Amino acid sequence: MLVPRILIADDQEMILRALRTLFESTSRFAICGTALNGSEAVLKARELRPDVIILDLAMPVMNGLQAAQEIGRSHPDIPILLYTMSDLPEVRSKAASAGIREVVGKSTASQFLLNAVDRALQKAVPAGPSGGETKIPLAITSSDGNEAGAAQPQQPKAHTIDHKHPEPPKAQSDRPRAL
């Protein structure tokens, strides 16, 4: 079974090593390449054709937003994530305009980045009301771990128990029977 291949671009080698360790420790992903700037990421994306690309925002030569736009022109099918310390609303908006699938703050737990990569690898969401497949909506993850942004699929609200105002007891026929 082939594991998804990830290209990571960050100008800090310590971050590159940490991300390589994170992804390869799960045995679910392989790092096919790394880049120290946006221009190098564009070249490696063309050469390596990864399944997902993770870009830092602030890099020399070409920043992550510029690299995402360039990669998107030649490989619009490769999902791109922005992994950054600058996940302000303005950055998230510019990231969405650049074709970035999701923004993950570097200050979040590593599981948020792993989850973002899993979401990026999903090619389509379940069929909508029209019966056809729909594209994955843009999801933006903030540094506090909350997901926000436009076009999020509506999740059914979970039933919660209000301990101050409990529901009345169910009728006998509604209760589960012991076997």
N, C-alpha and C. Protein backbone atom coordinates (compact mmCIF):
# COMPACT_ATOMS: atom_id res chain seq x y z
N MET A 1 0.84 -1.18 0.00
CA MET A 1 0.00 0.00 0.00
C MET A 1 0.89 1.24 0.00
N LEU A 2 0.62 2.16 -0.91
CA LEU A 2 1.41 3.37 -1.00
C LEU A 2 0.94 4.38 0.03
N VAL A 3 1.89 5.00 0.69
CA VAL A 3 1.55 6.04 1.66
C VAL A 3 1.60 7.39 0.97
N PRO A 4 0.76 8.34 1.40
CA PRO A 4 0.77 9.67 0.80
C PRO A 4 2.13 10.35 0.97
N ARG A 5 2.54 11.05 -0.07
CA ARG A 5 3.84 11.71 -0.09
C ARG A 5 3.65 13.20 0.16
N ILE A 6 4.46 13.75 1.06
CA ILE A 6 4.33 15.15 1.46
C ILE A 6 5.61 15.91 1.14
N LEU A 7 5.44 17.11 0.59
CA LEU A 7 6.54 18.05 0.39
C LEU A 7 6.37 19.15 1.44
N ILE A 8 7.43 19.45 2.17
CA ILE A 8 7.39 20.48 3.21
C ILE A 8 8.37 21.59 2.86
N ALA A 9 7.92 22.84 2.96
CA ALA A 9 8.79 23.99 2.74
C ALA A 9 8.74 24.90 3.95
N ASP A 10 9.90 25.12 4.54
CA ASP A 10 10.05 26.03 5.68
C ASP A 10 11.50 26.47 5.70
N ASP A 11 11.75 27.74 6.02
CA ASP A 11 13.13 28.22 6.01
C ASP A 11 13.88 27.86 7.28
N GLN A 12 13.22 27.24 8.23
CA GLN A 12 13.89 26.82 9.47
C GLN A 12 14.10 25.31 9.43
N GLU A 13 15.36 24.91 9.38
CA GLU A 13 15.67 23.48 9.28
C GLU A 13 15.16 22.69 10.48
N MET A 14 15.12 23.33 11.65
CA MET A 14 14.60 22.65 12.83
C MET A 14 13.12 22.27 12.64
N ILE A 15 12.36 23.15 12.02
CA ILE A 15 10.94 22.86 11.74
C ILE A 15 10.84 21.72 10.73
N LEU A 16 11.67 21.75 9.71
CA LEU A 16 11.65 20.68 8.71
C LEU A 16 11.92 19.32 9.36
N ARG A 17 12.93 19.28 10.23
CA ARG A 17 13.26 18.02 10.91
C ARG A 17 12.11 17.56 11.81
N ALA A 18 11.53 18.50 12.53
CA ALA A 18 10.44 18.15 13.44
C ALA A 18 9.23 17.62 12.67
N LEU A 19 8.90 18.25 11.55
CA LEU A 19 7.76 17.79 10.75
C LEU A 19 8.04 16.44 10.11
N ARG A 20 9.27 16.24 9.64
CA ARG A 20 9.63 14.93 9.08
C ARG A 20 9.43 13.85 10.14
N THR A 21 9.92 14.10 11.34
CA THR A 21 9.78 13.14 12.44
C THR A 21 8.31 12.89 12.75
N LEU A 22 7.53 13.96 12.82
CA LEU A 22 6.09 13.83 13.12
C LEU A 22 5.40 12.94 12.10
N PHE A 23 5.55 13.25 10.83
CA PHE A 23 4.82 12.51 9.80
C PHE A 23 5.34 11.09 9.62
N GLU A 24 6.63 10.91 9.65
CA GLU A 24 7.16 9.57 9.45
C GLU A 24 6.95 8.67 10.66
N SER A 25 6.78 9.25 11.84
CA SER A 25 6.54 8.43 13.04
C SER A 25 5.17 7.79 13.02
N THR A 26 4.25 8.32 12.23
CA THR A 26 2.91 7.74 12.16
C THR A 26 2.85 6.54 11.22
N SER A 27 3.83 6.40 10.35
CA SER A 27 3.86 5.35 9.32
C SER A 27 2.72 5.49 8.31
N ARG A 28 1.99 6.59 8.38
CA ARG A 28 0.91 6.84 7.43
C ARG A 28 1.32 7.75 6.29
N PHE A 29 2.49 8.40 6.44
CA PHE A 29 2.94 9.39 5.46
C PHE A 29 4.42 9.20 5.17
N ALA A 30 4.84 9.71 4.03
CA ALA A 30 6.26 9.75 3.68
C ALA A 30 6.60 11.16 3.24
N ILE A 31 7.73 11.65 3.67
CA ILE A 31 8.20 12.96 3.22
C ILE A 31 9.01 12.73 1.95
N CYS A 32 8.52 13.25 0.84
CA CYS A 32 9.21 13.03 -0.44
C CYS A 32 10.23 14.12 -0.72
N GLY A 33 10.13 15.24 0.01
CA GLY A 33 11.10 16.31 -0.19
C GLY A 33 10.87 17.46 0.76
N THR A 34 11.92 18.29 0.87
CA THR A 34 11.84 19.50 1.68
C THR A 34 12.44 20.64 0.88
N ALA A 35 12.02 21.85 1.24
CA ALA A 35 12.54 23.05 0.58
C ALA A 35 12.74 24.13 1.64
N LEU A 36 13.74 24.98 1.42
CA LEU A 36 14.05 26.04 2.37
C LEU A 36 13.49 27.40 1.97
N ASN A 37 12.83 27.46 0.80
CA ASN A 37 12.18 28.69 0.37
C ASN A 37 11.08 28.36 -0.62
N GLY A 38 10.25 29.36 -0.92
CA GLY A 38 9.12 29.13 -1.80
C GLY A 38 9.49 28.77 -3.21
N SER A 39 10.54 29.38 -3.74
CA SER A 39 10.98 29.08 -5.10
C SER A 39 11.41 27.62 -5.23
N GLU A 40 12.15 27.16 -4.24
CA GLU A 40 12.58 25.75 -4.22
C GLU A 40 11.37 24.83 -4.10
N ALA A 41 10.37 25.25 -3.34
CA ALA A 41 9.15 24.43 -3.19
C ALA A 41 8.43 24.30 -4.53
N VAL A 42 8.38 25.36 -5.31
CA VAL A 42 7.74 25.31 -6.63
C VAL A 42 8.46 24.31 -7.52
N LEU A 43 9.79 24.38 -7.55
CA LEU A 43 10.58 23.45 -8.39
C LEU A 43 10.39 22.01 -7.93
N LYS A 44 10.42 21.78 -6.62
CA LYS A 44 10.28 20.41 -6.11
C LYS A 44 8.87 19.88 -6.31
N ALA A 45 7.87 20.75 -6.26
CA ALA A 45 6.49 20.31 -6.52
C ALA A 45 6.36 19.79 -7.95
N ARG A 46 6.98 20.48 -8.88
CA ARG A 46 6.95 20.04 -10.29
C ARG A 46 7.71 18.73 -10.47
N GLU A 47 8.84 18.62 -9.81
CA GLU A 47 9.69 17.44 -9.94
C GLU A 47 9.12 16.22 -9.23
N LEU A 48 8.63 16.40 -8.01
CA LEU A 48 8.25 15.26 -7.16
C LEU A 48 6.76 14.90 -7.22
N ARG A 49 5.92 15.82 -7.63
CA ARG A 49 4.46 15.59 -7.67
C ARG A 49 3.95 14.97 -6.36
N PRO A 50 4.10 15.67 -5.24
CA PRO A 50 3.64 15.12 -3.95
C PRO A 50 2.12 15.04 -3.89
N ASP A 51 1.62 14.34 -2.90
CA ASP A 51 0.17 14.25 -2.70
C ASP A 51 -0.35 15.45 -1.92
N VAL A 52 0.49 16.05 -1.08
CA VAL A 52 0.15 17.23 -0.28
C VAL A 52 1.41 18.08 -0.13
N ILE A 53 1.22 19.40 -0.07
CA ILE A 53 2.33 20.31 0.16
C ILE A 53 2.02 21.14 1.39
N ILE A 54 3.01 21.27 2.27
CA ILE A 54 2.90 22.11 3.46
C ILE A 54 3.91 23.24 3.31
N LEU A 55 3.40 24.49 3.31
CA LEU A 55 4.25 25.65 3.13
C LEU A 55 4.23 26.54 4.36
N ASP A 56 5.39 27.08 4.69
CA ASP A 56 5.47 28.16 5.69
C ASP A 56 5.09 29.45 4.96
N LEU A 57 4.64 30.44 5.70
CA LEU A 57 4.28 31.72 5.09
C LEU A 57 5.54 32.55 4.80
N ALA A 58 6.32 32.83 5.84
CA ALA A 58 7.46 33.73 5.73
C ALA A 58 8.72 32.95 5.37
N MET A 59 9.04 32.95 4.07
CA MET A 59 10.25 32.29 3.59
C MET A 59 10.98 33.25 2.66
N PRO A 60 12.30 33.09 2.54
CA PRO A 60 13.05 33.95 1.62
C PRO A 60 12.77 33.57 0.16
N VAL A 61 13.18 34.42 -0.72
CA VAL A 61 13.08 34.28 -2.17
C VAL A 61 11.62 34.39 -2.64
N MET A 62 10.75 33.54 -2.13
CA MET A 62 9.32 33.55 -2.48
C MET A 62 8.57 33.07 -1.25
N ASN A 63 7.57 33.85 -0.80
CA ASN A 63 6.84 33.43 0.40
C ASN A 63 5.84 32.31 0.08
N GLY A 64 5.22 31.78 1.11
CA GLY A 64 4.31 30.65 0.95
C GLY A 64 3.09 30.96 0.10
N LEU A 65 2.56 32.18 0.20
CA LEU A 65 1.40 32.55 -0.61
C LEU A 65 1.77 32.60 -2.09
N GLN A 66 2.91 33.20 -2.40
CA GLN A 66 3.38 33.27 -3.79
C GLN A 66 3.65 31.86 -4.33
N ALA A 67 4.28 31.03 -3.51
CA ALA A 67 4.58 29.66 -3.94
C ALA A 67 3.28 28.89 -4.19
N ALA A 68 2.30 29.07 -3.32
CA ALA A 68 1.02 28.37 -3.50
C ALA A 68 0.35 28.77 -4.81
N GLN A 69 0.39 30.05 -5.13
CA GLN A 69 -0.21 30.51 -6.39
C GLN A 69 0.51 29.89 -7.58
N GLU A 70 1.82 29.88 -7.53
CA GLU A 70 2.62 29.32 -8.63
C GLU A 70 2.37 27.82 -8.77
N ILE A 71 2.37 27.11 -7.67
CA ILE A 71 2.13 25.66 -7.71
C ILE A 71 0.71 25.38 -8.20
N GLY A 72 -0.24 26.18 -7.74
CA GLY A 72 -1.63 26.00 -8.14
C GLY A 72 -1.85 26.16 -9.64
N ARG A 73 -1.06 27.01 -10.28
CA ARG A 73 -1.19 27.20 -11.73
C ARG A 73 -0.80 25.94 -12.49
N SER A 74 0.25 25.27 -12.05
CA SER A 74 0.72 24.08 -12.78
C SER A 74 0.17 22.77 -12.21
N HIS A 75 -0.21 22.77 -10.94
CA HIS A 75 -0.72 21.54 -10.31
C HIS A 75 -1.91 21.86 -9.40
N PRO A 76 -3.03 22.25 -9.99
CA PRO A 76 -4.18 22.64 -9.16
C PRO A 76 -4.77 21.49 -8.35
N ASP A 77 -4.41 20.27 -8.69
CA ASP A 77 -4.95 19.10 -7.99
C ASP A 77 -4.19 18.77 -6.71
N ILE A 78 -3.04 19.37 -6.48
CA ILE A 78 -2.26 19.08 -5.27
C ILE A 78 -2.73 20.02 -4.15
N PRO A 79 -3.28 19.47 -3.08
CA PRO A 79 -3.71 20.33 -1.98
C PRO A 79 -2.51 20.94 -1.25
N ILE A 80 -2.68 22.20 -0.86
CA ILE A 80 -1.61 22.93 -0.19
C ILE A 80 -2.12 23.42 1.16
N LEU A 81 -1.30 23.22 2.19
CA LEU A 81 -1.59 23.71 3.53
C LEU A 81 -0.57 24.79 3.87
N LEU A 82 -0.99 25.79 4.64
CA LEU A 82 -0.08 26.80 5.13
C LEU A 82 0.12 26.56 6.61
N TYR A 83 1.36 26.36 7.02
CA TYR A 83 1.73 26.08 8.41
C TYR A 83 2.53 27.28 8.87
N THR A 84 1.94 28.11 9.73
CA THR A 84 2.54 29.41 10.00
C THR A 84 2.29 29.92 11.40
N MET A 85 3.14 30.82 11.84
CA MET A 85 2.93 31.53 13.11
C MET A 85 1.94 32.67 12.91
N SER A 86 1.74 33.10 11.68
CA SER A 86 0.90 34.26 11.36
C SER A 86 -0.45 33.82 10.83
N ASP A 87 -1.32 33.34 11.72
CA ASP A 87 -2.62 32.89 11.23
C ASP A 87 -3.71 33.92 11.54
N LEU A 88 -3.39 35.19 11.32
CA LEU A 88 -4.35 36.27 11.50
C LEU A 88 -5.42 36.19 10.42
N PRO A 89 -6.58 36.80 10.65
CA PRO A 89 -7.66 36.74 9.64
C PRO A 89 -7.21 37.22 8.26
N GLU A 90 -6.38 38.24 8.20
CA GLU A 90 -5.90 38.74 6.91
C GLU A 90 -5.08 37.67 6.18
N VAL A 91 -4.24 36.97 6.93
CA VAL A 91 -3.41 35.90 6.34
C VAL A 91 -4.32 34.77 5.86
N ARG A 92 -5.31 34.41 6.67
CA ARG A 92 -6.23 33.33 6.26
C ARG A 92 -6.98 33.69 4.99
N SER A 93 -7.39 34.96 4.90
CA SER A 93 -8.10 35.40 3.71
C SER A 93 -7.19 35.35 2.47
N LYS A 94 -5.97 35.83 2.61
CA LYS A 94 -5.02 35.78 1.49
C LYS A 94 -4.68 34.34 1.12
N ALA A 95 -4.60 33.48 2.12
CA ALA A 95 -4.31 32.07 1.86
C ALA A 95 -5.43 31.44 1.04
N ALA A 96 -6.66 31.75 1.40
CA ALA A 96 -7.79 31.21 0.64
C ALA A 96 -7.75 31.70 -0.81
N SER A 97 -7.41 32.97 -1.00
CA SER A 97 -7.32 33.52 -2.35
C SER A 97 -6.18 32.89 -3.14
N ALA A 98 -5.14 32.44 -2.45
CA ALA A 98 -3.99 31.82 -3.12
C ALA A 98 -4.23 30.34 -3.43
N GLY A 99 -5.38 29.82 -3.01
CA GLY A 99 -5.69 28.42 -3.29
C GLY A 99 -5.25 27.47 -2.20
N ILE A 100 -4.87 28.00 -1.07
CA ILE A 100 -4.45 27.14 0.04
C ILE A 100 -5.67 26.51 0.68
N ARG A 101 -5.60 25.22 0.89
CA ARG A 101 -6.73 24.45 1.41
C ARG A 101 -7.01 24.75 2.87
N GLU A 102 -5.94 24.90 3.66
CA GLU A 102 -6.14 25.08 5.10
C GLU A 102 -4.93 25.79 5.69
N VAL A 103 -5.18 26.60 6.71
CA VAL A 103 -4.11 27.28 7.45
C VAL A 103 -4.06 26.67 8.83
N VAL A 104 -2.87 26.23 9.23
CA VAL A 104 -2.69 25.63 10.55
C VAL A 104 -1.63 26.44 11.29
N GLY A 105 -1.97 26.90 12.47
CA GLY A 105 -1.03 27.67 13.27
C GLY A 105 0.06 26.78 13.84
N LYS A 106 1.29 27.26 13.82
CA LYS A 106 2.40 26.49 14.37
C LYS A 106 2.28 26.31 15.88
N SER A 107 1.46 27.14 16.51
CA SER A 107 1.31 27.01 17.96
C SER A 107 0.26 25.98 18.35
N THR A 108 -0.39 25.34 17.38
CA THR A 108 -1.39 24.32 17.69
C THR A 108 -0.71 22.98 17.96
N ALA A 109 -1.45 22.09 18.55
CA ALA A 109 -0.94 20.73 18.78
C ALA A 109 -0.69 20.06 17.43
N SER A 110 0.30 19.18 17.40
CA SER A 110 0.68 18.52 16.15
C SER A 110 -0.48 17.73 15.54
N GLN A 111 -1.42 17.27 16.36
CA GLN A 111 -2.55 16.51 15.84
C GLN A 111 -3.39 17.35 14.88
N PHE A 112 -3.45 18.67 15.08
CA PHE A 112 -4.19 19.53 14.17
C PHE A 112 -3.58 19.50 12.77
N LEU A 113 -2.27 19.48 12.69
CA LEU A 113 -1.61 19.41 11.39
C LEU A 113 -1.84 18.04 10.75
N LEU A 114 -1.73 16.98 11.52
CA LEU A 114 -2.00 15.63 11.00
C LEU A 114 -3.43 15.54 10.48
N ASN A 115 -4.38 16.08 11.23
CA ASN A 115 -5.79 16.07 10.80
C ASN A 115 -5.99 16.89 9.54
N ALA A 116 -5.30 18.02 9.44
CA ALA A 116 -5.42 18.86 8.25
C ALA A 116 -4.90 18.13 7.01
N VAL A 117 -3.81 17.39 7.16
CA VAL A 117 -3.28 16.61 6.04
C VAL A 117 -4.27 15.52 5.65
N ASP A 118 -4.85 14.85 6.63
CA ASP A 118 -5.86 13.83 6.33
C ASP A 118 -7.02 14.44 5.54
N ARG A 119 -7.50 15.60 5.96
CA ARG A 119 -8.60 16.26 5.24
C ARG A 119 -8.18 16.64 3.82
N ALA A 120 -6.95 17.13 3.68
CA ALA A 120 -6.47 17.55 2.37
C ALA A 120 -6.38 16.38 1.40
N LEU A 121 -6.13 15.20 1.93
CA LEU A 121 -6.00 14.02 1.07
C LEU A 121 -7.34 13.48 0.59
N GLN A 122 -8.40 13.91 1.21
CA GLN A 122 -9.73 13.49 0.75
C GLN A 122 -10.02 14.21 -0.56
N LYS A 123 -10.27 13.46 -1.59
CA LYS A 123 -10.46 14.07 -2.91
C LYS A 123 -11.83 14.72 -3.07
N ALA A 124 -12.82 14.17 -2.42
CA ALA A 124 -14.16 14.74 -2.53
C ALA A 124 -14.93 14.41 -1.26
N VAL A 125 -15.91 15.24 -0.98
CA VAL A 125 -16.78 14.97 0.15
C VAL A 125 -17.96 14.16 -0.36
N PRO A 126 -18.74 13.53 0.52
CA PRO A 126 -19.88 12.75 0.06
C PRO A 126 -20.81 13.55 -0.85
N ALA A 127 -21.52 12.83 -1.66
CA ALA A 127 -22.42 13.47 -2.62
C ALA A 127 -23.38 14.42 -1.94
N GLY A 128 -23.59 15.55 -2.58
CA GLY A 128 -24.52 16.56 -2.05
C GLY A 128 -25.93 16.25 -2.49
N PRO A 129 -26.85 17.19 -2.27
CA PRO A 129 -28.26 16.97 -2.62
C PRO A 129 -28.46 16.68 -4.09
N SER A 130 -27.58 17.19 -4.96
CA SER A 130 -27.74 16.97 -6.39
C SER A 130 -27.29 15.57 -6.80
N GLY A 131 -26.64 14.84 -5.87
CA GLY A 131 -26.22 13.47 -6.18
C GLY A 131 -24.80 13.36 -6.67
N GLY A 132 -24.18 14.49 -7.09
CA GLY A 132 -22.81 14.43 -7.58
C GLY A 132 -21.82 14.74 -6.49
N GLU A 133 -20.55 14.41 -6.76
CA GLU A 133 -19.51 14.72 -5.78
C GLU A 133 -19.31 16.22 -5.71
N THR A 134 -18.91 16.71 -4.57
CA THR A 134 -18.60 18.11 -4.42
C THR A 134 -17.17 18.26 -3.97
N LYS A 135 -16.58 19.39 -4.27
CA LYS A 135 -15.20 19.66 -3.85
C LYS A 135 -15.15 19.86 -2.34
N ILE A 136 -13.99 19.63 -1.76
CA ILE A 136 -13.81 19.85 -0.32
C ILE A 136 -13.92 21.35 -0.07
N PRO A 137 -14.69 21.76 0.92
CA PRO A 137 -14.78 23.18 1.22
C PRO A 137 -13.49 23.66 1.86
N LEU A 138 -13.21 24.95 1.70
CA LEU A 138 -12.04 25.54 2.32
C LEU A 138 -12.22 25.53 3.83
N ALA A 139 -11.28 24.98 4.53
CA ALA A 139 -11.31 24.96 5.99
C ALA A 139 -10.12 25.74 6.50
N ILE A 140 -10.36 26.61 7.43
CA ILE A 140 -9.29 27.42 7.99
C ILE A 140 -9.17 27.09 9.47
N THR A 141 -7.99 26.71 9.90
CA THR A 141 -7.78 26.36 11.30
C THR A 141 -6.98 27.47 11.96
N SER A 142 -7.50 27.98 13.05
CA SER A 142 -6.79 29.05 13.76
C SER A 142 -5.85 28.47 14.79
N SER A 143 -5.03 29.31 15.38
CA SER A 143 -4.03 28.84 16.33
C SER A 143 -4.64 28.32 17.62
N ASP A 144 -5.89 28.68 17.89
CA ASP A 144 -6.50 28.16 19.12
C ASP A 144 -7.16 26.81 18.90
N GLY A 145 -7.01 26.27 17.67
CA GLY A 145 -7.52 24.94 17.40
C GLY A 145 -8.96 24.92 16.94
N ASN A 146 -9.60 26.07 16.86
CA ASN A 146 -10.98 26.11 16.38
C ASN A 146 -10.97 26.23 14.88
N GLU A 147 -11.90 25.58 14.25
CA GLU A 147 -11.99 25.69 12.81
C GLU A 147 -13.06 26.70 12.48
N ALA A 148 -12.74 27.57 11.54
CA ALA A 148 -13.68 28.59 11.13
C ALA A 148 -13.53 28.78 9.64
N GLY A 149 -14.31 29.64 9.07
CA GLY A 149 -14.15 29.95 7.66
C GLY A 149 -15.42 29.69 6.90
N ALA A 150 -15.45 30.19 5.70
CA ALA A 150 -16.63 30.06 4.88
C ALA A 150 -16.74 28.66 4.31
N ALA A 151 -17.91 28.31 3.90
CA ALA A 151 -18.19 27.08 3.17
C ALA A 151 -17.91 25.81 3.97
N GLN A 152 -18.03 25.88 5.26
CA GLN A 152 -17.89 24.67 6.07
C GLN A 152 -19.17 23.84 5.95
N PRO A 153 -19.05 22.52 5.83
CA PRO A 153 -20.25 21.71 5.81
C PRO A 153 -20.95 21.81 7.15
N GLN A 154 -22.25 21.86 7.12
CA GLN A 154 -23.02 21.94 8.34
C GLN A 154 -23.08 20.58 9.01
N GLN A 155 -22.64 20.52 10.24
CA GLN A 155 -22.68 19.29 11.00
C GLN A 155 -23.95 19.27 11.83
N PRO A 156 -24.58 18.10 11.95
CA PRO A 156 -25.75 18.05 12.81
C PRO A 156 -25.33 18.35 14.23
N LYS A 157 -26.17 19.10 14.93
CA LYS A 157 -25.85 19.44 16.31
C LYS A 157 -25.97 18.20 17.17
N ALA A 158 -24.98 18.02 18.01
CA ALA A 158 -25.00 16.88 18.92
C ALA A 158 -26.00 17.15 20.02
N HIS A 159 -26.65 16.11 20.45
CA HIS A 159 -27.58 16.24 21.55
C HIS A 159 -26.78 16.36 22.83
N THR A 160 -27.06 17.40 23.59
CA THR A 160 -26.37 17.57 24.86
C THR A 160 -27.37 17.49 25.98
N ILE A 161 -26.91 17.09 27.12
CA ILE A 161 -27.77 16.96 28.29
C ILE A 161 -27.65 18.23 29.10
N ASP A 162 -28.79 18.83 29.40
CA ASP A 162 -28.83 20.00 30.25
C ASP A 162 -29.16 19.50 31.65
N HIS A 163 -28.17 19.49 32.52
CA HIS A 163 -28.37 18.94 33.85
C HIS A 163 -29.27 19.82 34.70
N LYS A 164 -29.40 21.09 34.40
CA LYS A 164 -30.30 21.96 35.15
C LYS A 164 -31.75 21.77 34.74
N HIS A 165 -31.97 21.41 33.47
CA HIS A 165 -33.32 21.21 32.95
C HIS A 165 -33.37 19.88 32.21
N PRO A 166 -33.36 18.77 32.93
CA PRO A 166 -33.34 17.47 32.26
C PRO A 166 -34.65 17.23 31.51
N GLU A 167 -34.54 16.36 30.52
CA GLU A 167 -35.74 15.99 29.76
C GLU A 167 -36.64 15.16 30.65
N PRO A 168 -37.94 15.23 30.39
CA PRO A 168 -38.85 14.39 31.16
C PRO A 168 -38.56 12.92 30.87
N PRO A 169 -38.87 12.03 31.81
CA PRO A 169 -38.61 10.61 31.56
C PRO A 169 -39.37 10.12 30.34
N LYS A 170 -38.75 9.20 29.61
CA LYS A 170 -39.38 8.64 28.42
C LYS A 170 -40.47 7.67 28.82
N ALA A 171 -41.41 7.53 27.91
CA ALA A 171 -42.48 6.55 28.14
C ALA A 171 -41.87 5.16 28.16
N GLN A 172 -42.54 4.25 28.81
CA GLN A 172 -42.04 2.89 28.98
C GLN A 172 -41.68 2.26 27.63
N SER A 173 -42.46 2.52 26.60
CA SER A 173 -42.22 1.90 25.29
C SER A 173 -40.99 2.47 24.61
N ASP A 174 -40.54 3.66 25.02
CA ASP A 174 -39.37 4.27 24.41
C ASP A 174 -38.07 3.81 25.05
N ARG A 175 -38.15 3.20 26.19
CA ARG A 175 -36.93 2.78 26.87
C ARG A 175 -36.38 1.50 26.28
N PRO A 176 -35.06 1.37 26.22
CA PRO A 176 -34.49 0.12 25.70
C PRO A 176 -34.83 -1.04 26.63
N ARG A 177 -35.05 -2.18 26.04
CA ARG A 177 -35.37 -3.36 26.84
C ARG A 177 -34.15 -4.19 27.06
N ALA A 178 -34.02 -4.74 28.24
CA ALA A 178 -32.93 -5.65 28.56
C ALA A 178 -33.21 -6.99 27.93
N LEU A 179 -32.20 -7.62 27.43
CA LEU A 179 -32.39 -8.94 26.79
C LEU A 179 -31.97 -10.04 27.72
